[in-house]
Amino acid sequence: MKRSLVILLALFSLSAHQTYAEDLVEPEIVRLESISINGNTKTIHVGNAKGHYTLNCTIGAESASDPKYKDTLITMCTSPKSDLDYWVYDNKTKWNIPGAKETSTLQFFEDFSVAYKGENIALVPTDNKSDWGIYSLKSWTK
């Protein structure tokens, strides 16, 4: 009896771990292609072999959308660096950034920043050192 309980617990633990791993949705990796500024709107083009994103952000959009972080001031309309890779977080991404204690999602980044109307994208540097930002998705092309 004791032995079967141990086996059952081991199988449950393994099953829970597999389910957790299956729930993760890895972010796409992109690089900066170009940046342009028109008034207070910054347009950013990033991409990879799969496709290209056109993103916008509002210069000066610096506040937390979640009221519990209202005293947190984070500049969100950052300019990605051309020599870095960036993870693309959309509304389906659920990923464990190396060194993080929790799974990260787009909602996590929006809680500390702005949320634009429409579809949002977070660009998070894979080096875990540089600034990340939230952008409004304008288009994606192959």
Foldseek 3Di string as FASTA:
>chain_A
DVVVVVVVVVVVVVVVVVVVVVLADFFDKWAWDDWDDDPQKIWTWIDDPVWIWIWIDGFPQWAFPAVVQRVQTDGARDDDDRVFIWGKAWQRHWADQPPDPHIDHPVNVNRGGPDDPATKIKTHTSVNPDDIHITHTDDMDD
